[in-house]
Amino acid sequence: MVELRSASDSLTELQEKMKEYIQNGASLGWLIDRKNKQVEIYRSSQDVEVLNNPTHISGDDILAGFVLDLISIL
């Protein structure tokens, strides 16, 4: 799943939402934070990975071969 933080979104609320998605069975989640130019990657049974100003993110084994270009988003 993908969450794109808007200017009015609370980062803390979105982070809690992402954790809830993972707890309810989602395998992979991306929280794209344009304000801070970061992407938080949520995976089941793993700590959250934070990428600073990435140009792209991949779908890992879950979405094998999928790459999201972030240059125009961040």
C-alpha atoms as a PDB file:
ATOM      1  CA  MET A   1       0.000   0.000   0.000  1.00  0.00           C
ATOM      2  CA  VAL A   2       1.049   3.592  -0.537  1.00  0.00           C
ATOM      3  CA  GLU A   3       0.293   6.642   1.600  1.00  0.00           C
ATOM      4  CA  LEU A   4       1.225  10.057   0.233  1.00  0.00           C
ATOM      5  CA  ARG A   5       1.425  12.679   2.964  1.00  0.00           C
ATOM      6  CA  SER A   6      -0.398  15.878   2.103  1.00  0.00           C
ATOM      7  CA  ALA A   7       0.375  19.258   3.650  1.00  0.00           C
ATOM      8  CA  SER A   8      -2.468  18.885   6.147  1.00  0.00           C
ATOM      9  CA  ASP A   9      -1.675  15.286   7.218  1.00  0.00           C
ATOM     10  CA  SER A  10      -0.171  14.511  10.600  1.00  0.00           C
ATOM     11  CA  LEU A  11       2.957  12.401  10.159  1.00  0.00           C
ATOM     12  CA  THR A  12       2.348  10.636  13.475  1.00  0.00           C
ATOM     13  CA  GLU A  13      -1.197   9.678  12.471  1.00  0.00           C
ATOM     14  CA  LEU A  14      -0.022   8.328   9.132  1.00  0.00           C
ATOM     15  CA  GLN A  15       2.737   6.312  10.812  1.00  0.00           C
ATOM     16  CA  GLU A  16       0.173   4.747  13.151  1.00  0.00           C
ATOM     17  CA  LYS A  17      -2.064   3.995  10.168  1.00  0.00           C
ATOM     18  CA  MET A  18       0.832   2.283   8.368  1.00  0.00           C
ATOM     19  CA  LYS A  19       1.611   0.145  11.438  1.00  0.00           C
ATOM     20  CA  GLU A  20      -2.055  -0.845  11.606  1.00  0.00           C
ATOM     21  CA  TYR A  21      -2.044  -1.919   7.944  1.00  0.00           C
ATOM     22  CA  ILE A  22       0.986  -4.144   8.597  1.00  0.00           C
ATOM     23  CA  GLN A  23      -0.567  -5.580  11.772  1.00  0.00           C
ATOM     24  CA  ASN A  24      -3.676  -6.434   9.750  1.00  0.00           C
ATOM     25  CA  GLY A  25      -1.769  -8.434   7.161  1.00  0.00           C
ATOM     26  CA  ALA A  26      -0.279  -6.026   4.626  1.00  0.00           C
ATOM     27  CA  SER A  27       3.172  -7.196   3.512  1.00  0.00           C
ATOM     28  CA  LEU A  28       4.607  -3.921   2.263  1.00  0.00           C
ATOM     29  CA  GLY A  29       3.767  -0.266   2.727  1.00  0.00           C
ATOM     30  CA  TRP A  30       5.330   2.989   1.626  1.00  0.00           C
ATOM     31  CA  LEU A  31       4.723   6.269   3.421  1.00  0.00           C
ATOM     32  CA  ILE A  32       5.866   9.005   1.064  1.00  0.00           C
ATOM     33  CA  ASP A  33       6.553  12.252   2.906  1.00  0.00           C
ATOM     34  CA  ARG A  34       7.077  15.019   0.385  1.00  0.00           C
ATOM     35  CA  LYS A  35       7.544  17.677   3.075  1.00  0.00           C
ATOM     36  CA  ASN A  36      10.601  15.949   4.559  1.00  0.00           C
ATOM     37  CA  LYS A  37      11.684  14.268   1.304  1.00  0.00           C
ATOM     38  CA  GLN A  38      11.568  10.861   2.943  1.00  0.00           C
ATOM     39  CA  VAL A  39      10.023   7.475   2.350  1.00  0.00           C
ATOM     40  CA  GLU A  40       9.265   5.143   5.225  1.00  0.00           C
ATOM     41  CA  ILE A  41       9.095   1.501   4.193  1.00  0.00           C
ATOM     42  CA  TYR A  42       6.945  -0.791   6.304  1.00  0.00           C
ATOM     43  CA  ARG A  43       7.333  -4.563   6.044  1.00  0.00           C
ATOM     44  CA  SER A  44       5.841  -7.314   8.159  1.00  0.00           C
ATOM     45  CA  SER A  45       8.172  -8.566  10.921  1.00  0.00           C
ATOM     46  CA  GLN A  46      10.794  -5.860  10.253  1.00  0.00           C
ATOM     47  CA  ASP A  47      11.706  -2.440  11.585  1.00  0.00           C
ATOM     48  CA  VAL A  48      10.649   0.578   9.553  1.00  0.00           C
ATOM     49  CA  GLU A  49      13.266   1.620   7.005  1.00  0.00           C
ATOM     50  CA  VAL A  50      13.620   5.358   6.347  1.00  0.00           C
ATOM     51  CA  LEU A  51      15.094   6.582   3.068  1.00  0.00           C
ATOM     52  CA  ASN A  52      16.164  10.210   2.711  1.00  0.00           C
ATOM     53  CA  ASN A  53      15.507  11.824  -0.657  1.00  0.00           C
ATOM     54  CA  PRO A  54      15.399   8.567  -2.653  1.00  0.00           C
ATOM     55  CA  THR A  55      15.092   8.686  -6.437  1.00  0.00           C
ATOM     56  CA  HIS A  56      13.149   5.406  -6.575  1.00  0.00           C
ATOM     57  CA  ILE A  57      11.870   2.539  -4.443  1.00  0.00           C
ATOM     58  CA  SER A  58      11.408  -1.077  -5.388  1.00  0.00           C
ATOM     59  CA  GLY A  59       8.708  -3.581  -4.631  1.00  0.00           C
ATOM     60  CA  ASP A  60      11.108  -6.093  -3.077  1.00  0.00           C
ATOM     61  CA  ASP A  61      10.051  -9.731  -3.480  1.00  0.00           C
ATOM     62  CA  ILE A  62       6.406  -8.773  -2.902  1.00  0.00           C
ATOM     63  CA  LEU A  63       6.152  -6.762  -6.126  1.00  0.00           C
ATOM     64  CA  ALA A  64       9.103  -8.260  -7.961  1.00  0.00           C
ATOM     65  CA  GLY A  65      10.335  -6.040 -10.763  1.00  0.00           C
ATOM     66  CA  PHE A  66       8.207  -3.028  -9.743  1.00  0.00           C
ATOM     67  CA  VAL A  67      10.068   0.257  -9.287  1.00  0.00           C
ATOM     68  CA  LEU A  68       8.401   3.556  -8.363  1.00  0.00           C
ATOM     69  CA  ASP A  69      10.220   6.613  -9.714  1.00  0.00           C
ATOM     70  CA  LEU A  70      10.123   9.333  -7.044  1.00  0.00           C
ATOM     71  CA  ILE A  71      11.942  12.128  -8.850  1.00  0.00           C
ATOM     72  CA  SER A  72       8.763  13.997  -9.783  1.00  0.00           C
ATOM     73  CA  ILE A  73       7.045  13.161  -6.458  1.00  0.00           C
ATOM     74  CA  LEU A  74       9.690  14.256  -3.943  1.00  0.00           C
END
